[in-house]
Structure formats: structure tokens, C-alpha cells
C-alpha atoms as a PDB file:
ATOM      1  CA  MET A   1    -106.415  12.768  44.990  1.00  0.00           C
ATOM      2  CA  ALA A   2    -103.846  15.530  45.567  1.00  0.00           C
ATOM      3  CA  ALA A   3    -106.545  18.213  45.372  1.00  0.00           C
ATOM      4  CA  SER A   4    -108.760  16.434  47.901  1.00  0.00           C
ATOM      5  CA  TRP A   5    -105.866  15.956  50.339  1.00  0.00           C
ATOM      6  CA  LEU A   6    -104.825  19.632  50.049  1.00  0.00           C
ATOM      7  CA  PHE A   7    -108.442  20.632  50.642  1.00  0.00           C
ATOM      8  CA  LEU A   8    -108.665  18.461  53.773  1.00  0.00           C
ATOM      9  CA  LEU A   9    -105.267  19.746  54.989  1.00  0.00           C
ATOM     10  CA  SER A  10    -106.507  23.341  54.706  1.00  0.00           C
ATOM     11  CA  CYS A  11    -109.612  22.317  56.677  1.00  0.00           C
ATOM     12  CA  SER A  12    -107.317  20.807  59.312  1.00  0.00           C
ATOM     13  CA  LEU A  13    -105.169  23.929  59.691  1.00  0.00           C
ATOM     14  CA  SER A  14    -108.095  26.334  59.902  1.00  0.00           C
ATOM     15  CA  GLY A  15    -110.250  24.013  62.019  1.00  0.00           C
ATOM     16  CA  SER A  16    -107.521  23.353  64.596  1.00  0.00           C
ATOM     17  CA  PHE A  17    -106.735  27.086  64.782  1.00  0.00           C
ATOM     18  CA  LEU A  18    -110.376  27.845  65.608  1.00  0.00           C
ATOM     19  CA  SER A  19    -110.479  24.881  67.990  1.00  0.00           C
ATOM     20  CA  SER A  20    -107.662  26.213  70.168  1.00  0.00           C
ATOM     21  CA  LEU A  21    -108.734  29.827  69.798  1.00  0.00           C
ATOM     22  CA  LEU A  22    -112.336  29.295  70.900  1.00  0.00           C
ATOM     23  CA  GLY A  23    -112.390  25.915  72.698  1.00  0.00           C
ATOM     24  CA  ILE A  24    -114.435  24.105  70.072  1.00  0.00           C
ATOM     25  CA  GLY A  25    -113.789  20.848  68.264  1.00  0.00           C
ATOM     26  CA  GLY A  26    -113.302  22.423  64.861  1.00  0.00           C
ATOM     27  CA  ALA A  27    -115.823  20.023  63.348  1.00  0.00           C
ATOM     28  CA  ILE A  28    -118.438  22.764  63.649  1.00  0.00           C
ATOM     29  CA  PHE A  29    -116.352  24.469  60.964  1.00  0.00           C
ATOM     30  CA  ILE A  30    -115.093  21.602  58.809  1.00  0.00           C
ATOM     31  CA  ILE A  31    -118.381  19.651  58.497  1.00  0.00           C
ATOM     32  CA  PRO A  32    -120.233  22.407  56.554  1.00  0.00           C
ATOM     33  CA  ILE A  33    -117.104  23.286  54.559  1.00  0.00           C
ATOM     34  CA  ILE A  34    -116.616  19.668  53.441  1.00  0.00           C
ATOM     35  CA  LEU A  35    -120.332  19.275  52.704  1.00  0.00           C
ATOM     36  CA  PHE A  36    -120.382  22.438  50.605  1.00  0.00           C
ATOM     37  CA  PHE A  37    -117.086  22.117  48.688  1.00  0.00           C
ATOM     38  CA  GLN A  38    -116.306  18.383  48.533  1.00  0.00           C
ATOM     39  CA  LYS A  39    -117.598  17.850  44.982  1.00  0.00           C
ATOM     40  CA  SER A  40    -115.202  20.503  43.656  1.00  0.00           C
ATOM     41  CA  VAL A  41    -112.269  18.283  44.758  1.00  0.00           C
ATOM     42  CA  ASN A  42    -113.860  15.011  43.592  1.00  0.00           C
ATOM     43  CA  LEU A  43    -115.069  13.818  46.985  1.00  0.00           C
ATOM     44  CA  ASN A  44    -118.527  12.350  47.451  1.00  0.00           C
ATOM     45  CA  MET A  45    -119.074  11.506  51.115  1.00  0.00           C
ATOM     46  CA  GLY A  46    -122.373  11.297  52.949  1.00  0.00           C
ATOM     47  CA  ILE A  47    -123.088  13.028  56.238  1.00  0.00           C
ATOM     48  CA  HIS A  48    -122.369   9.820  58.193  1.00  0.00           C
ATOM     49  CA  GLN A  49    -118.876   9.474  56.683  1.00  0.00           C
ATOM     50  CA  ILE A  50    -118.067  13.170  57.105  1.00  0.00           C
ATOM     51  CA  SER A  51    -119.201  13.220  60.730  1.00  0.00           C
ATOM     52  CA  ALA A  52    -117.142  10.078  61.476  1.00  0.00           C
ATOM     53  CA  LEU A  53    -113.975  11.654  60.008  1.00  0.00           C
ATOM     54  CA  SER A  54    -114.719  14.898  61.826  1.00  0.00           C
ATOM     55  CA  THR A  55    -114.955  12.963  65.097  1.00  0.00           C
ATOM     56  CA  LEU A  56    -111.421  11.657  64.512  1.00  0.00           C
ATOM     57  CA  PHE A  57    -110.286  15.228  63.887  1.00  0.00           C
ATOM     58  CA  VAL A  58    -112.107  16.414  67.017  1.00  0.00           C
ATOM     59  CA  PHE A  59    -110.319  13.884  69.235  1.00  0.00           C
ATOM     60  CA  VAL A  60    -106.816  14.778  68.011  1.00  0.00           C
ATOM     61  CA  ALA A  61    -107.442  18.554  67.904  1.00  0.00           C
ATOM     62  CA  GLY A  62    -108.948  18.522  71.395  1.00  0.00           C
ATOM     63  CA  SER A  63    -105.994  16.580  72.808  1.00  0.00           C
ATOM     64  CA  ILE A  64    -103.373  18.916  71.358  1.00  0.00           C
ATOM     65  CA  GLY A  65    -105.368  22.066  72.150  1.00  0.00           C
ATOM     66  CA  PHE A  66    -105.913  21.072  75.785  1.00  0.00           C
ATOM     67  CA  TRP A  67    -102.197  20.365  76.161  1.00  0.00           C
ATOM     68  CA  ALA A  68    -101.316  23.752  74.617  1.00  0.00           C
ATOM     69  CA  HIS A  69    -103.691  25.712  76.887  1.00  0.00           C
ATOM     70  CA  GLY A  70    -102.772  23.686  79.966  1.00  0.00           C
ATOM     71  CA  ARG A  71     -99.232  25.014  79.811  1.00  0.00           C
ATOM     72  CA  HIS A  72    -100.489  28.549  80.550  1.00  0.00           C
ATOM     73  CA  LEU A  73    -103.699  28.188  82.630  1.00  0.00           C
ATOM     74  CA  LYS A  74    -104.661  26.723  85.998  1.00  0.00           C
ATOM     75  CA  ILE A  75    -107.201  23.995  85.208  1.00  0.00           C
ATOM     76  CA  ASP A  76    -110.095  23.208  87.583  1.00  0.00           C
ATOM     77  CA  LYS A  77    -109.670  19.430  87.803  1.00  0.00           C
ATOM     78  CA  ARG A  78    -113.093  18.809  89.371  1.00  0.00           C
ATOM     79  CA  LEU A  79    -114.788  20.736  86.563  1.00  0.00           C
ATOM     80  CA  VAL A  80    -112.852  18.767  83.944  1.00  0.00           C
ATOM     81  CA  ILE A  81    -113.721  15.421  85.572  1.00  0.00           C
ATOM     82  CA  VAL A  82    -117.439  16.123  86.100  1.00  0.00           C
ATOM     83  CA  THR A  83    -117.989  17.687  82.685  1.00  0.00           C
ATOM     84  CA  GLY A  84    -115.705  15.188  80.970  1.00  0.00           C
ATOM     85  CA  VAL A  85    -117.389  12.063  82.360  1.00  0.00           C
ATOM     86  CA  CYS A  86    -120.911  13.327  81.680  1.00  0.00           C
ATOM     87  CA  ALA A  87    -120.143  14.684  78.212  1.00  0.00           C
ATOM     88  CA  SER A  88    -118.349  11.442  77.288  1.00  0.00           C
ATOM     89  CA  ILE A  89    -121.325   9.295  78.301  1.00  0.00           C
ATOM     90  CA  GLY A  90    -123.614  11.569  76.302  1.00  0.00           C
ATOM     91  CA  ALA A  91    -121.312  11.522  73.255  1.00  0.00           C
ATOM     92  CA  LEU A  92    -121.113   7.717  73.315  1.00  0.00           C
ATOM     93  CA  ALA A  93    -124.908   7.533  73.249  1.00  0.00           C
ATOM     94  CA  GLY A  94    -125.176  10.185  70.540  1.00  0.00           C
ATOM     95  CA  GLY A  95    -122.523   8.570  68.347  1.00  0.00           C
ATOM     96  CA  THR A  96    -124.402   5.271  68.537  1.00  0.00           C
ATOM     97  CA  VAL A  97    -127.841   6.744  67.831  1.00  0.00           C
ATOM     98  CA  GLN A  98    -126.556   8.826  64.908  1.00  0.00           C
ATOM     99  CA  PHE A  99    -126.360   5.896  62.505  1.00  0.00           C
ATOM    100  CA  TYR A 100    -130.043   5.087  63.025  1.00  0.00           C
ATOM    101  CA  LEU A 101    -131.335   8.541  62.122  1.00  0.00           C
ATOM    102  CA  PRO A 102    -132.015   9.882  58.610  1.00  0.00           C
ATOM    103  CA  HIS A 103    -129.813  12.525  57.027  1.00  0.00           C
ATOM    104  CA  ASN A 104    -132.407  15.325  57.281  1.00  0.00           C
ATOM    105  CA  VAL A 105    -132.891  14.822  61.037  1.00  0.00           C
ATOM    106  CA  ILE A 106    -129.138  15.094  61.728  1.00  0.00           C
ATOM    107  CA  LEU A 107    -128.785  18.122  59.456  1.00  0.00           C
ATOM    108  CA  THR A 108    -131.785  19.912  60.981  1.00  0.00           C
ATOM    109  CA  THR A 109    -130.462  19.270  64.491  1.00  0.00           C
ATOM    110  CA  PHE A 110    -127.036  20.570  63.441  1.00  0.00           C
ATOM    111  CA  VAL A 111    -128.451  23.854  62.062  1.00  0.00           C
ATOM    112  CA  ALA A 112    -130.735  24.411  65.072  1.00  0.00           C
ATOM    113  CA  LEU A 113    -127.758  23.956  67.409  1.00  0.00           C
ATOM    114  CA  LEU A 114    -125.745  26.539  65.468  1.00  0.00           C
ATOM    115  CA  PHE A 115    -128.420  29.221  65.890  1.00  0.00           C
ATOM    116  CA  LEU A 116    -128.920  28.432  69.587  1.00  0.00           C
ATOM    117  CA  ILE A 117    -125.185  28.533  70.347  1.00  0.00           C
ATOM    118  CA  SER A 118    -124.670  31.855  68.547  1.00  0.00           C
ATOM    119  CA  PHE A 119    -127.614  33.403  70.442  1.00  0.00           C
ATOM    120  CA  LEU A 120    -126.217  32.291  73.811  1.00  0.00           C
ATOM    121  CA  MET A 121    -122.764  33.703  73.108  1.00  0.00           C
ATOM    122  CA  LEU A 122    -124.096  37.041  71.853  1.00  0.00           C
ATOM    123  CA  TRP A 123    -126.227  37.478  74.988  1.00  0.00           C
ATOM    124  CA  PRO A 124    -124.366  40.037  77.161  1.00  0.00           C
ATOM    125  CA  LEU A 125    -122.933  38.839  80.478  1.00  0.00           C
ATOM    126  CA  LYS A 126    -123.920  40.828  83.558  1.00  0.00           C
ATOM    127  CA  VAL A 127    -120.671  39.921  85.308  1.00  0.00           C
ATOM    128  CA  GLU A 128    -117.403  38.511  83.953  1.00  0.00           C
ATOM    129  CA  TYR A 129    -115.756  36.555  86.779  1.00  0.00           C
ATOM    130  CA  THR A 130    -111.977  36.498  87.049  1.00  0.00           C
ATOM    131  CA  GLU A 131    -111.962  33.331  89.179  1.00  0.00           C
ATOM    132  CA  ILE A 132    -114.050  30.184  88.845  1.00  0.00           C
ATOM    133  CA  PRO A 133    -117.077  30.551  91.190  1.00  0.00           C
ATOM    134  CA  GLU A 134    -118.968  27.804  93.010  1.00  0.00           C
ATOM    135  CA  TYR A 135    -121.141  25.874  90.570  1.00  0.00           C
ATOM    136  CA  SER A 136    -123.875  23.250  90.888  1.00  0.00           C
ATOM    137  CA  ILE A 137    -122.676  19.692  90.216  1.00  0.00           C
ATOM    138  CA  THR A 138    -126.238  18.629  89.324  1.00  0.00           C
ATOM    139  CA  THR A 139    -126.691  21.429  86.787  1.00  0.00           C
ATOM    140  CA  THR A 140    -123.244  20.717  85.371  1.00  0.00           C
ATOM    141  CA  ALA A 141    -123.944  16.995  85.007  1.00  0.00           C
ATOM    142  CA  ILE A 142    -127.340  17.424  83.333  1.00  0.00           C
ATOM    143  CA  GLY A 143    -126.055  20.089  80.955  1.00  0.00           C
ATOM    144  CA  CYS A 144    -123.010  18.061  79.962  1.00  0.00           C
ATOM    145  CA  LEU A 145    -124.956  14.823  79.443  1.00  0.00           C
ATOM    146  CA  THR A 146    -127.318  16.677  77.117  1.00  0.00           C
ATOM    147  CA  GLY A 147    -124.559  18.598  75.334  1.00  0.00           C
ATOM    148  CA  GLY A 148    -122.417  15.494  74.909  1.00  0.00           C
ATOM    149  CA  PHE A 149    -125.327  13.552  73.412  1.00  0.00           C
ATOM    150  CA  LEU A 150    -126.067  16.305  70.881  1.00  0.00           C
ATOM    151  CA  ALA A 151    -122.369  16.619  70.030  1.00  0.00           C
ATOM    152  CA  GLY A 152    -122.033  12.889  69.404  1.00  0.00           C
ATOM    153  CA  LEU A 153    -125.252  12.867  67.402  1.00  0.00           C
ATOM    154  CA  VAL A 154    -124.123  15.448  64.830  1.00  0.00           C
ATOM    155  CA  GLY A 155    -120.369  14.715  64.982  1.00  0.00           C
ATOM    156  CA  ILE A 156    -119.085  17.927  66.569  1.00  0.00           C
ATOM    157  CA  GLY A 157    -116.882  18.452  69.610  1.00  0.00           C
ATOM    158  CA  GLY A 158    -118.632  18.889  72.946  1.00  0.00           C
ATOM    159  CA  GLY A 159    -116.870  22.212  73.479  1.00  0.00           C
ATOM    160  CA  THR A 160    -118.963  23.843  70.770  1.00  0.00           C
ATOM    161  CA  ILE A 161    -122.045  23.327  72.914  1.00  0.00           C
ATOM    162  CA  LEU A 162    -120.561  23.228  76.407  1.00  0.00           C
ATOM    163  CA  VAL A 163    -118.276  26.291  76.324  1.00  0.00           C
ATOM    164  CA  PRO A 164    -121.370  28.537  75.983  1.00  0.00           C
ATOM    165  CA  PHE A 165    -123.101  26.428  78.660  1.00  0.00           C
ATOM    166  CA  MET A 166    -120.205  26.947  81.104  1.00  0.00           C
ATOM    167  CA  ILE A 167    -119.893  30.673  80.403  1.00  0.00           C
ATOM    168  CA  VAL A 168    -123.620  31.519  80.447  1.00  0.00           C
ATOM    169  CA  PHE A 169    -125.077  29.086  83.009  1.00  0.00           C
ATOM    170  CA  LEU A 170    -122.140  28.124  85.258  1.00  0.00           C
ATOM    171  CA  LYS A 171    -120.504  31.606  85.121  1.00  0.00           C
ATOM    172  CA  ILE A 172    -117.063  30.125  84.363  1.00  0.00           C
ATOM    173  CA  PRO A 173    -114.580  32.776  83.079  1.00  0.00           C
ATOM    174  CA  THR A 174    -114.058  32.666  79.329  1.00  0.00           C
ATOM    175  CA  ARG A 175    -110.466  31.367  79.123  1.00  0.00           C
ATOM    176  CA  PRO A 176    -110.854  28.563  81.713  1.00  0.00           C
ATOM    177  CA  ALA A 177    -114.118  27.613  79.981  1.00  0.00           C
ATOM    178  CA  ILE A 178    -112.285  27.381  76.650  1.00  0.00           C
ATOM    179  CA  ALA A 179    -109.519  25.233  78.169  1.00  0.00           C
ATOM    180  CA  THR A 180    -112.082  22.954  79.850  1.00  0.00           C
ATOM    181  CA  GLY A 181    -114.004  22.837  76.587  1.00  0.00           C
ATOM    182  CA  LEU A 182    -110.952  21.407  74.850  1.00  0.00           C
ATOM    183  CA  ALA A 183    -110.778  18.614  77.435  1.00  0.00           C
ATOM    184  CA  LEU A 184    -114.415  17.867  76.631  1.00  0.00           C
ATOM    185  CA  VAL A 185    -113.631  17.994  72.922  1.00  0.00           C
ATOM    186  CA  MET A 186    -110.920  15.379  73.424  1.00  0.00           C
ATOM    187  CA  LEU A 187    -113.110  13.039  75.479  1.00  0.00           C
ATOM    188  CA  ALA A 188    -116.237  13.505  73.373  1.00  0.00           C
ATOM    189  CA  GLY A 189    -114.182  12.771  70.258  1.00  0.00           C
ATOM    190  CA  LEU A 190    -112.792   9.591  71.801  1.00  0.00           C
ATOM    191  CA  PHE A 191    -116.181   8.246  72.857  1.00  0.00           C
ATOM    192  CA  GLY A 192    -117.778   9.394  69.616  1.00  0.00           C
ATOM    193  CA  LEU A 193    -115.219   7.282  67.763  1.00  0.00           C
ATOM    194  CA  ILE A 194    -115.971   4.283  69.977  1.00  0.00           C
ATOM    195  CA  GLY A 195    -119.664   4.703  69.185  1.00  0.00           C
ATOM    196  CA  ARG A 196    -118.847   4.472  65.467  1.00  0.00           C
ATOM    197  CA  LEU A 197    -116.721   1.317  65.600  1.00  0.00           C
ATOM    198  CA  GLY A 198    -119.605  -0.865  64.505  1.00  0.00           C
ATOM    199  CA  HIS A 199    -119.823   1.106  61.258  1.00  0.00           C
ATOM    200  CA  ALA A 200    -116.087   1.689  60.713  1.00  0.00           C
ATOM    201  CA  SER A 201    -115.937  -0.250  57.434  1.00  0.00           C
ATOM    202  CA  SER A 202    -118.157   2.323  55.697  1.00  0.00           C
ATOM    203  CA  VAL A 203    -115.826   5.253  56.503  1.00  0.00           C
ATOM    204  CA  PRO A 204    -112.847   6.207  54.242  1.00  0.00           C
ATOM    205  CA  TRP A 205    -110.404   6.522  57.163  1.00  0.00           C
ATOM    206  CA  ILE A 206    -107.409   7.173  54.871  1.00  0.00           C
ATOM    207  CA  LEU A 207    -108.822  10.681  54.357  1.00  0.00           C
ATOM    208  CA  GLY A 208    -108.204  11.245  58.070  1.00  0.00           C
ATOM    209  CA  ILE A 209    -104.454  11.533  57.387  1.00  0.00           C
ATOM    210  CA  PRO A 210    -104.548  15.057  55.885  1.00  0.00           C
ATOM    211  CA  LEU A 211    -107.095  16.045  58.542  1.00  0.00           C
ATOM    212  CA  ILE A 212    -104.586  15.161  61.289  1.00  0.00           C
ATOM    213  CA  ILE A 213    -101.384  16.547  59.745  1.00  0.00           C
ATOM    214  CA  GLY A 214    -102.333  20.221  60.126  1.00  0.00           C
ATOM    215  CA  ILE A 215    -103.549  20.027  63.727  1.00  0.00           C
ATOM    216  CA  LEU A 216    -100.309  20.753  65.627  1.00  0.00           C
ATOM    217  CA  PRO A 217     -99.352  24.027  63.872  1.00  0.00           C
ATOM    218  CA  GLY A 218    -102.983  25.179  63.769  1.00  0.00           C
ATOM    219  CA  SER A 219    -103.497  24.483  67.493  1.00  0.00           C
ATOM    220  CA  LEU A 220    -100.323  26.264  68.609  1.00  0.00           C
ATOM    221  CA  LEU A 221    -101.209  29.353  66.570  1.00  0.00           C
ATOM    222  CA  GLY A 222    -104.759  29.340  67.968  1.00  0.00           C
ATOM    223  CA  THR A 223    -103.497  29.144  71.562  1.00  0.00           C
ATOM    224  CA  TYR A 224    -101.032  31.990  70.974  1.00  0.00           C
ATOM    225  CA  THR A 225    -103.823  34.189  69.549  1.00  0.00           C
ATOM    226  CA  ASN A 226    -106.252  33.283  72.354  1.00  0.00           C
ATOM    227  CA  ARG A 227    -103.884  34.536  75.053  1.00  0.00           C
ATOM    228  CA  ARG A 228    -103.690  37.957  73.398  1.00  0.00           C
ATOM    229  CA  MET A 229    -107.383  38.628  72.669  1.00  0.00           C
ATOM    230  CA  PRO A 230    -109.814  40.315  75.117  1.00  0.00           C
ATOM    231  CA  THR A 231    -112.384  37.836  76.464  1.00  0.00           C
ATOM    232  CA  ALA A 232    -115.325  39.866  75.119  1.00  0.00           C
ATOM    233  CA  VAL A 233    -113.806  39.663  71.641  1.00  0.00           C
ATOM    234  CA  LEU A 234    -113.333  35.910  72.044  1.00  0.00           C
ATOM    235  CA  ARG A 235    -117.016  35.431  72.916  1.00  0.00           C
ATOM    236  CA  LYS A 236    -118.257  37.594  70.048  1.00  0.00           C
ATOM    237  CA  SER A 237    -115.873  35.904  67.615  1.00  0.00           C
ATOM    238  CA  PHE A 238    -117.238  32.542  68.750  1.00  0.00           C
ATOM    239  CA  ALA A 239    -120.842  33.697  68.267  1.00  0.00           C
ATOM    240  CA  LEU A 240    -120.319  35.348  64.884  1.00  0.00           C
ATOM    241  CA  MET A 241    -118.467  32.344  63.472  1.00  0.00           C
ATOM    242  CA  ILE A 242    -121.250  29.992  64.573  1.00  0.00           C
ATOM    243  CA  LEU A 243    -123.925  32.348  63.223  1.00  0.00           C
ATOM    244  CA  ALA A 244    -122.173  32.587  59.840  1.00  0.00           C
ATOM    245  CA  LEU A 245    -122.026  28.792  59.628  1.00  0.00           C
ATOM    246  CA  ALA A 246    -125.722  28.540  60.508  1.00  0.00           C
ATOM    247  CA  VAL A 247    -126.663  30.990  57.739  1.00  0.00           C
ATOM    248  CA  GLN A 248    -124.423  29.147  55.263  1.00  0.00           C
ATOM    249  CA  GLN A 249    -126.085  25.837  56.122  1.00  0.00           C
ATOM    250  CA  VAL A 250    -129.577  27.296  55.662  1.00  0.00           C
ATOM    251  CA  MET A 251    -128.556  28.732  52.287  1.00  0.00           C
ATOM    252  CA  SER A 252    -127.107  25.397  51.159  1.00  0.00           C
ATOM    253  CA  ILE A 253    -130.359  23.638  52.087  1.00  0.00           C
ATOM    254  CA  VAL A 254    -132.641  26.232  50.484  1.00  0.00           C
ATOM    255  CA  LEU A 255    -130.559  26.687  47.340  1.00  0.00           C
END
């Protein structure tokens, strides 16, 4: 038991660091790591159990990360509200539908999302805005409903999908997009958890304790690092991390 808790604690520290650094839920990192290494620490969870625990992690990491970034950045409240409401509705639907889909459908969707996200973030921006420009509410709502649904479906934070959406399609500057992404992570995690309440008895929630313990130090370190990195490096780091995870998932399926 000690080995499994130390393993999950290390996932928590590294996942929350990446969450605050890049505006993602961290589950995009910890889901494949747990899937790949869990048997070496005597864990044997299915994708439904892992995604449920990762949703708990996503909610707590998003809450702490948004608080940490909010101390240093001016947050666009309208953007947070519009994206947050739409992504939350989508995540609630996705979290509910997830339990009715087979393992291979969820896993295939997860891998396809990883490749798409990495491609979007590697695509060069023509202009990097320093201030948040005018953006379409309709485009924002449709994008966030779709992104929230996909996030809830595979058990990842909405920021993993919606930070690239905000940067590429809404032209939001990188750091405000990351901060807003963490608000979406928090809300998507909350509604994803609500969507799983009907299946709560099948999830080993006690394993959520080590996943939560490492979030505060990991989030503070991630925020500190984010403020000192050039935005272009942040975007490329985001893309390369997602691409590496996509390749790892393909290898685990093939091998």
C-alpha cells in the first residue's frame, strides 16, 4: 500500500506542477502514467476508476491553480463566466455518458485528442496579443460546450482542450488563457464529479488522498515557473508534452 500511495503522491506533485504551469488539469498527464505503471505498485484499476479519481484531482488542482494565478493576473470575468458555464454543462454530459461507453472508445478518443491538441499548439501564431481582444460569444460557447463534453468523457480537465482553443481561435494571450483554463479545469472537474455520483461505489476514493496531498506545493511551483517563462516556450512545452503522451499511449496500445 505504501508503494502505491507514494506513486500516486508523485503523480500529484508532477501533475499539479504541469497544471499550474500550462493551464491544464493534470489528468492528461496522470491518466496515462497510472495506466502504464499501476501494476508495478500493485494497483489494478480500470479506465473508469482511473478517470473518476483523475476528475477529483482535476477539481482540486484547478481550484488551487486558479487561485495562485489570480493573485498575479487580471482575469477577464466575462470570459471565465461564458467559458465556465458552457464547459461545465459539456463536462456534466460527458461525465454521464462516459460510463455507457466501452473502454476502447474512451481510449481512442483520448489518444485522438492528444494528437489534435499538440498540433494546434505547435501551429505558429501570426500575432501574439498583449491584451485580450474582442471575441465572439457564440464561437466561445460552442467551442466550450464541445471541449467540456470531450473533457468529461475521457476524464481530463477542460483546460487541456480549451487553452489551445482560446489561444488559436479566440486569440487570447497565452498567460490569461492559462489562468482562464484553470478556472475551466476547476468547474469541469466539479461537474465531472457530479456526473459520476451514480457510479461512486465502484471507485476506490481512498486512493484520492495521496492524489490531493501534493497539489498545493506542485501548483505554487508551477505558477512561479509560469511567470518566468516566455509565452512561446510555454506553448511549445504544452504541445511537446501532449505529443509525448500521445506517442506513449499509442505505444502502450500497440505493444
